[in-house]
Amino acid sequence: MKDTRIPPPLTGDERTVLGNWLEWHRATLAFKCAGLSDEQLRVRSAPPSSLSLLGLVRHMAHVEQSWFRRVLDGEDLPKLWNKDRDNDADFNDVDTASVKEAFEVWQEEIERARAISAAKSLEAVGDRNGRECSHRYVLVHVIEEYARHNGHADLLRERIDGATGD
């Protein structure tokens, strides 16, 4: 597996630094999933957890959609993966989920998030459950989500084939 991720810069303005850290974490999840079969992407961590790499990809598609499209841009749309029915459906329903669809939806949500983010100032606000939420907060929160889940992805990947690393 060749690592083609671009490390975030050590200097720059706030938007550049935040944007590059978000891109690093997006690329890290993709890197952790690279080269695995559909069945390997479905491998669960350890009972009772339903965590899998495929579940993480589905979850991060939901995170991208929720924070950028719903919160920051005000779109009214249904949650991905039937999360209105089961809040953990992104993780629970991977046994028969389409890997191809999950990765396509994740990439589509990333592209939409990039466009929304590029069009807004860091001071722009959206609505999170009736409370104002800044673009800056959204960026930091989504980076945090990726960072936490990339730690999970690292452990899952090591369990699957022994691969480790950043």
N, C-alpha and C. Protein backbone atom coordinates (compact mmCIF):
# COMPACT_ATOMS: atom_id res chain seq x y z
N MET A 1 0.84 -1.17 0.00
CA MET A 1 0.00 0.00 0.00
C MET A 1 0.88 1.24 0.00
N LYS A 2 0.73 2.07 -0.98
CA LYS A 2 1.50 3.31 -1.06
C LYS A 2 0.69 4.43 -0.42
N ASP A 3 1.34 5.16 0.47
CA ASP A 3 0.70 6.26 1.18
C ASP A 3 0.86 7.53 0.36
N THR A 4 -0.24 8.04 -0.18
CA THR A 4 -0.21 9.26 -1.00
C THR A 4 -0.79 10.47 -0.28
N ARG A 5 -1.03 10.32 1.03
CA ARG A 5 -1.59 11.44 1.78
C ARG A 5 -0.60 12.60 1.83
N ILE A 6 -1.13 13.81 1.85
CA ILE A 6 -0.30 15.01 1.95
C ILE A 6 -0.40 15.52 3.38
N PRO A 7 0.73 15.55 4.10
CA PRO A 7 0.68 16.03 5.49
C PRO A 7 0.22 17.48 5.56
N PRO A 8 -0.53 17.82 6.60
CA PRO A 8 -0.96 19.21 6.78
C PRO A 8 0.25 20.13 6.97
N PRO A 9 0.13 21.39 6.53
CA PRO A 9 1.25 22.32 6.69
C PRO A 9 1.45 22.70 8.16
N LEU A 10 2.68 23.04 8.49
CA LEU A 10 2.98 23.45 9.86
C LEU A 10 2.68 24.93 10.10
N THR A 11 2.45 25.66 9.01
CA THR A 11 2.10 27.08 9.12
C THR A 11 0.95 27.37 8.16
N GLY A 12 0.31 28.51 8.37
CA GLY A 12 -0.76 28.94 7.48
C GLY A 12 -1.87 29.61 8.26
N ASP A 13 -2.79 30.19 7.52
CA ASP A 13 -3.92 30.82 8.19
C ASP A 13 -4.88 29.74 8.69
N GLU A 14 -5.83 30.16 9.49
CA GLU A 14 -6.74 29.22 10.14
C GLU A 14 -7.50 28.34 9.15
N ARG A 15 -8.04 28.93 8.12
CA ARG A 15 -8.80 28.15 7.13
C ARG A 15 -7.92 27.11 6.46
N THR A 16 -6.71 27.49 6.10
CA THR A 16 -5.78 26.56 5.45
C THR A 16 -5.44 25.40 6.38
N VAL A 17 -5.10 25.72 7.61
CA VAL A 17 -4.71 24.68 8.57
C VAL A 17 -5.88 23.74 8.84
N LEU A 18 -7.06 24.29 9.14
CA LEU A 18 -8.22 23.44 9.41
C LEU A 18 -8.59 22.59 8.19
N GLY A 19 -8.62 23.22 7.03
CA GLY A 19 -8.96 22.49 5.81
C GLY A 19 -7.99 21.36 5.51
N ASN A 20 -6.72 21.61 5.70
CA ASN A 20 -5.72 20.57 5.43
C ASN A 20 -5.76 19.45 6.45
N TRP A 21 -6.03 19.77 7.71
CA TRP A 21 -6.19 18.71 8.70
C TRP A 21 -7.41 17.85 8.39
N LEU A 22 -8.49 18.47 7.94
CA LEU A 22 -9.67 17.69 7.57
C LEU A 22 -9.36 16.79 6.38
N GLU A 23 -8.68 17.32 5.38
CA GLU A 23 -8.31 16.50 4.22
C GLU A 23 -7.39 15.34 4.62
N TRP A 24 -6.46 15.60 5.53
CA TRP A 24 -5.55 14.55 6.02
C TRP A 24 -6.35 13.41 6.64
N HIS A 25 -7.31 13.76 7.47
CA HIS A 25 -8.10 12.72 8.14
C HIS A 25 -9.03 11.99 7.18
N ARG A 26 -9.59 12.69 6.21
CA ARG A 26 -10.38 12.00 5.18
C ARG A 26 -9.51 10.99 4.45
N ALA A 27 -8.33 11.43 4.05
CA ALA A 27 -7.41 10.55 3.32
C ALA A 27 -6.92 9.39 4.19
N THR A 28 -6.80 9.63 5.48
CA THR A 28 -6.35 8.57 6.39
C THR A 28 -7.37 7.45 6.46
N LEU A 29 -8.66 7.78 6.55
CA LEU A 29 -9.66 6.72 6.57
C LEU A 29 -9.63 5.94 5.26
N ALA A 30 -9.52 6.63 4.15
CA ALA A 30 -9.43 5.93 2.86
C ALA A 30 -8.20 5.03 2.82
N PHE A 31 -7.08 5.51 3.33
CA PHE A 31 -5.84 4.74 3.37
C PHE A 31 -6.00 3.47 4.22
N LYS A 32 -6.68 3.59 5.35
CA LYS A 32 -6.90 2.44 6.23
C LYS A 32 -7.77 1.37 5.56
N CYS A 33 -8.59 1.78 4.61
CA CYS A 33 -9.49 0.85 3.93
C CYS A 33 -8.90 0.30 2.63
N ALA A 34 -7.84 0.92 2.15
CA ALA A 34 -7.28 0.58 0.83
C ALA A 34 -6.79 -0.86 0.75
N GLY A 35 -7.12 -1.49 -0.37
CA GLY A 35 -6.61 -2.82 -0.65
C GLY A 35 -7.32 -3.96 0.05
N LEU A 36 -8.39 -3.68 0.76
CA LEU A 36 -9.13 -4.72 1.47
C LEU A 36 -10.32 -5.19 0.65
N SER A 37 -10.69 -6.43 0.85
CA SER A 37 -11.87 -6.99 0.18
C SER A 37 -13.13 -6.49 0.89
N ASP A 38 -14.26 -6.68 0.23
CA ASP A 38 -15.54 -6.32 0.84
C ASP A 38 -15.71 -7.02 2.18
N GLU A 39 -15.34 -8.30 2.23
CA GLU A 39 -15.49 -9.07 3.47
C GLU A 39 -14.58 -8.53 4.56
N GLN A 40 -13.37 -8.14 4.22
CA GLN A 40 -12.46 -7.59 5.21
C GLN A 40 -12.98 -6.25 5.74
N LEU A 41 -13.58 -5.45 4.88
CA LEU A 41 -14.14 -4.17 5.33
C LEU A 41 -15.31 -4.36 6.29
N ARG A 42 -15.93 -5.54 6.25
CA ARG A 42 -17.06 -5.85 7.13
C ARG A 42 -16.63 -6.45 8.48
N VAL A 43 -15.37 -6.80 8.63
CA VAL A 43 -14.89 -7.44 9.85
C VAL A 43 -15.17 -6.53 11.05
N ARG A 44 -15.79 -7.11 12.08
CA ARG A 44 -16.14 -6.37 13.30
C ARG A 44 -14.95 -6.36 14.26
N SER A 45 -14.94 -5.38 15.15
CA SER A 45 -13.84 -5.24 16.09
C SER A 45 -13.87 -6.37 17.13
N ALA A 46 -14.69 -6.23 18.12
CA ALA A 46 -14.83 -7.24 19.18
C ALA A 46 -16.20 -7.08 19.82
N PRO A 47 -16.87 -8.19 20.10
CA PRO A 47 -18.18 -8.08 20.73
C PRO A 47 -18.09 -7.32 22.05
N PRO A 48 -19.07 -6.53 22.39
CA PRO A 48 -20.36 -6.38 21.73
C PRO A 48 -20.37 -5.28 20.66
N SER A 49 -19.23 -4.71 20.33
CA SER A 49 -19.16 -3.62 19.36
C SER A 49 -19.52 -4.10 17.96
N SER A 50 -20.20 -3.24 17.21
CA SER A 50 -20.50 -3.54 15.81
C SER A 50 -19.57 -2.78 14.87
N LEU A 51 -18.49 -2.23 15.41
CA LEU A 51 -17.55 -1.41 14.65
C LEU A 51 -16.84 -2.20 13.56
N SER A 52 -16.80 -1.62 12.35
CA SER A 52 -16.07 -2.19 11.21
C SER A 52 -15.59 -1.02 10.36
N LEU A 53 -14.64 -1.28 9.48
CA LEU A 53 -14.19 -0.23 8.58
C LEU A 53 -15.32 0.25 7.68
N LEU A 54 -16.12 -0.67 7.17
CA LEU A 54 -17.26 -0.26 6.34
C LEU A 54 -18.23 0.60 7.16
N GLY A 55 -18.47 0.22 8.39
CA GLY A 55 -19.32 1.02 9.26
C GLY A 55 -18.75 2.41 9.48
N LEU A 56 -17.44 2.51 9.62
CA LEU A 56 -16.81 3.82 9.79
C LEU A 56 -16.98 4.69 8.55
N VAL A 57 -16.83 4.10 7.37
CA VAL A 57 -17.03 4.86 6.13
C VAL A 57 -18.47 5.35 6.05
N ARG A 58 -19.42 4.48 6.35
CA ARG A 58 -20.83 4.87 6.33
C ARG A 58 -21.11 5.95 7.38
N HIS A 59 -20.52 5.80 8.56
CA HIS A 59 -20.71 6.78 9.62
C HIS A 59 -20.14 8.14 9.21
N MET A 60 -18.96 8.15 8.62
CA MET A 60 -18.36 9.43 8.25
C MET A 60 -19.10 10.09 7.09
N ALA A 61 -19.73 9.31 6.23
CA ALA A 61 -20.61 9.91 5.21
C ALA A 61 -21.76 10.63 5.91
N HIS A 62 -22.32 9.98 6.92
CA HIS A 62 -23.39 10.60 7.70
C HIS A 62 -22.90 11.86 8.41
N VAL A 63 -21.72 11.81 9.00
CA VAL A 63 -21.15 12.96 9.71
C VAL A 63 -20.97 14.13 8.74
N GLU A 64 -20.38 13.85 7.58
CA GLU A 64 -20.17 14.91 6.58
C GLU A 64 -21.51 15.54 6.20
N GLN A 65 -22.49 14.69 5.92
CA GLN A 65 -23.81 15.20 5.52
C GLN A 65 -24.46 15.99 6.63
N SER A 66 -24.44 15.46 7.82
CA SER A 66 -25.12 16.11 8.95
C SER A 66 -24.54 17.48 9.27
N TRP A 67 -23.23 17.55 9.40
CA TRP A 67 -22.62 18.79 9.85
C TRP A 67 -22.53 19.85 8.76
N PHE A 68 -22.23 19.45 7.55
CA PHE A 68 -22.09 20.47 6.50
C PHE A 68 -23.43 20.78 5.84
N ARG A 69 -24.17 19.77 5.42
CA ARG A 69 -25.39 20.03 4.68
C ARG A 69 -26.56 20.40 5.59
N ARG A 70 -26.76 19.63 6.64
CA ARG A 70 -27.92 19.88 7.50
C ARG A 70 -27.68 21.05 8.45
N VAL A 71 -26.55 21.03 9.19
CA VAL A 71 -26.30 22.08 10.18
C VAL A 71 -25.87 23.37 9.51
N LEU A 72 -24.79 23.32 8.74
CA LEU A 72 -24.20 24.55 8.22
C LEU A 72 -24.98 25.15 7.06
N ASP A 73 -25.53 24.30 6.18
CA ASP A 73 -26.22 24.81 5.00
C ASP A 73 -27.75 24.79 5.14
N GLY A 74 -28.26 24.22 6.22
CA GLY A 74 -29.70 24.26 6.48
C GLY A 74 -30.55 23.35 5.62
N GLU A 75 -29.96 22.34 4.99
CA GLU A 75 -30.76 21.42 4.16
C GLU A 75 -31.62 20.52 5.05
N ASP A 76 -32.83 20.29 4.61
CA ASP A 76 -33.74 19.39 5.30
C ASP A 76 -33.78 18.09 4.50
N LEU A 77 -33.08 17.09 4.96
CA LEU A 77 -33.01 15.83 4.24
C LEU A 77 -32.98 14.67 5.22
N PRO A 78 -33.41 13.51 4.78
CA PRO A 78 -33.41 12.35 5.68
C PRO A 78 -31.98 11.91 5.99
N LYS A 79 -31.82 11.28 7.14
CA LYS A 79 -30.51 10.76 7.53
C LYS A 79 -30.14 9.58 6.63
N LEU A 80 -28.87 9.43 6.38
CA LEU A 80 -28.37 8.30 5.60
C LEU A 80 -28.55 6.98 6.36
N TRP A 81 -28.60 5.89 5.62
CA TRP A 81 -28.53 4.51 6.14
C TRP A 81 -29.68 4.16 7.07
N ASN A 82 -30.81 4.80 6.95
CA ASN A 82 -31.96 4.53 7.82
C ASN A 82 -31.67 4.85 9.27
N LYS A 83 -30.82 5.85 9.52
CA LYS A 83 -30.50 6.23 10.89
C LYS A 83 -31.69 6.83 11.63
N ASP A 84 -32.75 7.20 10.88
CA ASP A 84 -33.97 7.64 11.55
C ASP A 84 -34.64 6.46 12.26
N ARG A 85 -34.44 5.27 11.73
CA ARG A 85 -35.00 4.04 12.30
C ARG A 85 -34.10 3.49 13.40
N ASP A 86 -32.80 3.46 13.15
CA ASP A 86 -31.80 2.92 14.08
C ASP A 86 -30.61 3.87 14.06
N ASN A 87 -30.38 4.56 15.15
CA ASN A 87 -29.31 5.55 15.20
C ASN A 87 -27.93 4.97 14.90
N ASP A 88 -27.76 3.68 15.08
CA ASP A 88 -26.49 3.02 14.78
C ASP A 88 -26.54 2.18 13.52
N ALA A 89 -27.48 2.44 12.64
CA ALA A 89 -27.63 1.65 11.41
C ALA A 89 -26.38 1.70 10.55
N ASP A 90 -25.66 2.81 10.56
CA ASP A 90 -24.45 2.90 9.76
C ASP A 90 -23.44 1.84 10.17
N PHE A 91 -23.41 1.49 11.45
CA PHE A 91 -22.52 0.44 11.95
C PHE A 91 -23.19 -0.94 11.95
N ASN A 92 -24.46 -0.98 12.32
CA ASN A 92 -25.14 -2.27 12.52
C ASN A 92 -25.48 -3.00 11.23
N ASP A 93 -25.77 -2.28 10.17
CA ASP A 93 -26.30 -2.89 8.95
C ASP A 93 -25.25 -3.09 7.86
N VAL A 94 -24.06 -3.53 8.19
CA VAL A 94 -23.00 -3.65 7.18
C VAL A 94 -22.92 -5.02 6.53
N ASP A 95 -23.55 -6.03 7.11
CA ASP A 95 -23.40 -7.39 6.58
C ASP A 95 -23.88 -7.51 5.14
N THR A 96 -24.92 -6.78 4.78
CA THR A 96 -25.45 -6.84 3.42
C THR A 96 -25.33 -5.50 2.70
N ALA A 97 -24.72 -4.52 3.34
CA ALA A 97 -24.58 -3.19 2.73
C ALA A 97 -23.63 -3.24 1.54
N SER A 98 -23.90 -2.41 0.57
CA SER A 98 -23.04 -2.31 -0.60
C SER A 98 -21.79 -1.49 -0.26
N VAL A 99 -20.63 -2.12 -0.40
CA VAL A 99 -19.37 -1.42 -0.17
C VAL A 99 -19.21 -0.31 -1.20
N LYS A 100 -19.50 -0.61 -2.44
CA LYS A 100 -19.38 0.37 -3.52
C LYS A 100 -20.24 1.59 -3.22
N GLU A 101 -21.49 1.37 -2.84
CA GLU A 101 -22.39 2.48 -2.53
C GLU A 101 -21.87 3.30 -1.35
N ALA A 102 -21.40 2.64 -0.30
CA ALA A 102 -20.91 3.34 0.88
C ALA A 102 -19.77 4.29 0.52
N PHE A 103 -18.80 3.80 -0.25
CA PHE A 103 -17.67 4.64 -0.63
C PHE A 103 -18.09 5.75 -1.58
N GLU A 104 -19.02 5.47 -2.49
CA GLU A 104 -19.51 6.51 -3.40
C GLU A 104 -20.25 7.60 -2.64
N VAL A 105 -21.13 7.22 -1.71
CA VAL A 105 -21.88 8.19 -0.93
C VAL A 105 -20.92 9.01 -0.07
N TRP A 106 -19.95 8.36 0.55
CA TRP A 106 -18.97 9.08 1.37
C TRP A 106 -18.24 10.13 0.53
N GLN A 107 -17.78 9.74 -0.66
CA GLN A 107 -17.07 10.69 -1.52
C GLN A 107 -18.00 11.82 -2.00
N GLU A 108 -19.25 11.50 -2.30
CA GLU A 108 -20.21 12.53 -2.70
C GLU A 108 -20.44 13.52 -1.57
N GLU A 109 -20.57 13.03 -0.35
CA GLU A 109 -20.79 13.92 0.79
C GLU A 109 -19.55 14.77 1.06
N ILE A 110 -18.37 14.20 0.87
CA ILE A 110 -17.14 14.98 1.02
C ILE A 110 -17.12 16.11 -0.01
N GLU A 111 -17.46 15.81 -1.25
CA GLU A 111 -17.47 16.85 -2.29
C GLU A 111 -18.47 17.95 -1.96
N ARG A 112 -19.65 17.57 -1.50
CA ARG A 112 -20.66 18.57 -1.12
C ARG A 112 -20.15 19.41 0.06
N ALA A 113 -19.53 18.74 1.03
CA ALA A 113 -19.01 19.45 2.20
C ALA A 113 -17.92 20.44 1.78
N ARG A 114 -17.05 20.04 0.88
CA ARG A 114 -15.99 20.94 0.40
C ARG A 114 -16.60 22.19 -0.24
N ALA A 115 -17.62 21.99 -1.05
CA ALA A 115 -18.26 23.12 -1.74
C ALA A 115 -18.94 24.06 -0.73
N ILE A 116 -19.65 23.50 0.22
CA ILE A 116 -20.31 24.32 1.24
C ILE A 116 -19.27 25.09 2.04
N SER A 117 -18.23 24.40 2.46
CA SER A 117 -17.19 25.03 3.26
C SER A 117 -16.50 26.15 2.50
N ALA A 118 -16.20 25.92 1.24
CA ALA A 118 -15.51 26.93 0.43
C ALA A 118 -16.35 28.19 0.26
N ALA A 119 -17.66 28.05 0.29
CA ALA A 119 -18.55 29.18 0.04
C ALA A 119 -18.86 29.99 1.30
N LYS A 120 -18.40 29.54 2.45
CA LYS A 120 -18.76 30.20 3.71
C LYS A 120 -17.53 30.71 4.45
N SER A 121 -17.71 31.81 5.14
CA SER A 121 -16.64 32.30 6.02
C SER A 121 -16.60 31.42 7.26
N LEU A 122 -15.50 31.47 7.98
CA LEU A 122 -15.40 30.71 9.22
C LEU A 122 -16.39 31.20 10.27
N GLU A 123 -16.84 32.44 10.12
CA GLU A 123 -17.79 33.02 11.06
C GLU A 123 -19.24 32.68 10.71
N ALA A 124 -19.47 32.10 9.55
CA ALA A 124 -20.84 31.74 9.16
C ALA A 124 -21.42 30.79 10.21
N VAL A 125 -22.74 30.90 10.43
CA VAL A 125 -23.37 30.03 11.41
C VAL A 125 -24.52 29.25 10.77
N GLY A 126 -24.71 28.08 11.31
CA GLY A 126 -25.84 27.24 10.95
C GLY A 126 -26.62 26.92 12.21
N ASP A 127 -27.59 26.04 12.08
CA ASP A 127 -28.46 25.69 13.20
C ASP A 127 -28.23 24.24 13.60
N ARG A 128 -27.88 24.02 14.86
CA ARG A 128 -27.71 22.69 15.43
C ARG A 128 -28.72 22.55 16.56
N ASN A 129 -29.85 21.91 16.25
CA ASN A 129 -30.89 21.69 17.26
C ASN A 129 -31.34 22.98 17.94
N GLY A 130 -31.55 24.03 17.12
CA GLY A 130 -32.05 25.29 17.65
C GLY A 130 -30.99 26.20 18.23
N ARG A 131 -29.74 25.83 18.11
CA ARG A 131 -28.64 26.67 18.61
C ARG A 131 -27.72 27.02 17.47
N GLU A 132 -27.18 28.23 17.51
CA GLU A 132 -26.22 28.64 16.48
C GLU A 132 -24.95 27.80 16.59
N CYS A 133 -24.41 27.48 15.42
CA CYS A 133 -23.21 26.65 15.36
C CYS A 133 -22.34 27.22 14.24
N SER A 134 -21.12 27.60 14.56
CA SER A 134 -20.26 28.25 13.57
C SER A 134 -19.60 27.25 12.62
N HIS A 135 -19.26 27.73 11.46
CA HIS A 135 -18.50 26.96 10.48
C HIS A 135 -17.20 26.47 11.11
N ARG A 136 -16.55 27.35 11.85
CA ARG A 136 -15.30 27.00 12.54
C ARG A 136 -15.53 25.79 13.45
N TYR A 137 -16.61 25.81 14.23
CA TYR A 137 -16.93 24.69 15.12
C TYR A 137 -17.16 23.41 14.30
N VAL A 138 -17.90 23.53 13.20
CA VAL A 138 -18.16 22.37 12.36
C VAL A 138 -16.85 21.75 11.89
N LEU A 139 -15.93 22.56 11.40
CA LEU A 139 -14.65 22.04 10.93
C LEU A 139 -13.89 21.32 12.05
N VAL A 140 -13.81 21.95 13.20
CA VAL A 140 -13.09 21.33 14.32
C VAL A 140 -13.78 20.04 14.75
N HIS A 141 -15.10 20.06 14.82
CA HIS A 141 -15.83 18.85 15.23
C HIS A 141 -15.64 17.71 14.24
N VAL A 142 -15.72 17.99 12.96
CA VAL A 142 -15.57 16.92 11.96
C VAL A 142 -14.13 16.39 11.97
N ILE A 143 -13.15 17.26 12.16
CA ILE A 143 -11.76 16.79 12.32
C ILE A 143 -11.67 15.87 13.52
N GLU A 144 -12.29 16.25 14.62
CA GLU A 144 -12.28 15.42 15.83
C GLU A 144 -12.94 14.08 15.58
N GLU A 145 -14.05 14.07 14.86
CA GLU A 145 -14.73 12.81 14.55
C GLU A 145 -13.81 11.89 13.75
N TYR A 146 -13.18 12.44 12.72
CA TYR A 146 -12.26 11.62 11.93
C TYR A 146 -11.08 11.14 12.78
N ALA A 147 -10.50 12.02 13.58
CA ALA A 147 -9.34 11.64 14.38
C ALA A 147 -9.68 10.48 15.31
N ARG A 148 -10.81 10.57 15.99
CA ARG A 148 -11.24 9.49 16.89
C ARG A 148 -11.47 8.20 16.13
N HIS A 149 -12.20 8.30 15.03
CA HIS A 149 -12.54 7.09 14.30
C HIS A 149 -11.35 6.54 13.50
N ASN A 150 -10.40 7.38 13.14
CA ASN A 150 -9.20 6.85 12.49
C ASN A 150 -8.37 6.03 13.47
N GLY A 151 -8.44 6.35 14.75
CA GLY A 151 -7.82 5.49 15.75
C GLY A 151 -8.48 4.12 15.76
N HIS A 152 -9.81 4.10 15.68
CA HIS A 152 -10.52 2.83 15.58
C HIS A 152 -10.12 2.09 14.30
N ALA A 153 -10.05 2.85 13.20
CA ALA A 153 -9.68 2.24 11.91
C ALA A 153 -8.30 1.60 11.97
N ASP A 154 -7.38 2.25 12.66
CA ASP A 154 -6.03 1.72 12.79
C ASP A 154 -6.06 0.37 13.50
N LEU A 155 -6.82 0.27 14.58
CA LEU A 155 -6.92 -1.00 15.30
C LEU A 155 -7.62 -2.08 14.46
N LEU A 156 -8.67 -1.68 13.75
CA LEU A 156 -9.37 -2.64 12.89
C LEU A 156 -8.45 -3.15 11.79
N ARG A 157 -7.72 -2.26 11.15
CA ARG A 157 -6.82 -2.67 10.07
C ARG A 157 -5.74 -3.61 10.60
N GLU A 158 -5.20 -3.30 11.77
CA GLU A 158 -4.19 -4.19 12.34
C GLU A 158 -4.77 -5.57 12.61
N ARG A 159 -6.01 -5.61 13.08
CA ARG A 159 -6.67 -6.90 13.34
C ARG A 159 -6.88 -7.69 12.05
N ILE A 160 -7.18 -6.99 10.96
CA ILE A 160 -7.48 -7.65 9.70
C ILE A 160 -6.22 -8.22 9.05
N ASP A 161 -5.19 -7.40 8.92
CA ASP A 161 -4.00 -7.88 8.18
C ASP A 161 -2.66 -7.48 8.76
N GLY A 162 -2.68 -6.90 9.96
CA GLY A 162 -1.43 -6.54 10.61
C GLY A 162 -0.86 -5.19 10.23
N ALA A 163 -1.47 -4.50 9.28
CA ALA A 163 -0.96 -3.19 8.84
C ALA A 163 -1.17 -2.16 9.94
N THR A 164 -0.14 -1.39 10.22
CA THR A 164 -0.21 -0.32 11.22
C THR A 164 0.38 0.94 10.65
N GLY A 165 0.22 2.04 11.37
CA GLY A 165 0.80 3.31 10.94
C GLY A 165 -0.16 4.45 11.17
N ASP A 166 0.31 5.66 10.84
CA ASP A 166 -0.49 6.88 11.03
C ASP A 166 -1.76 6.82 10.22
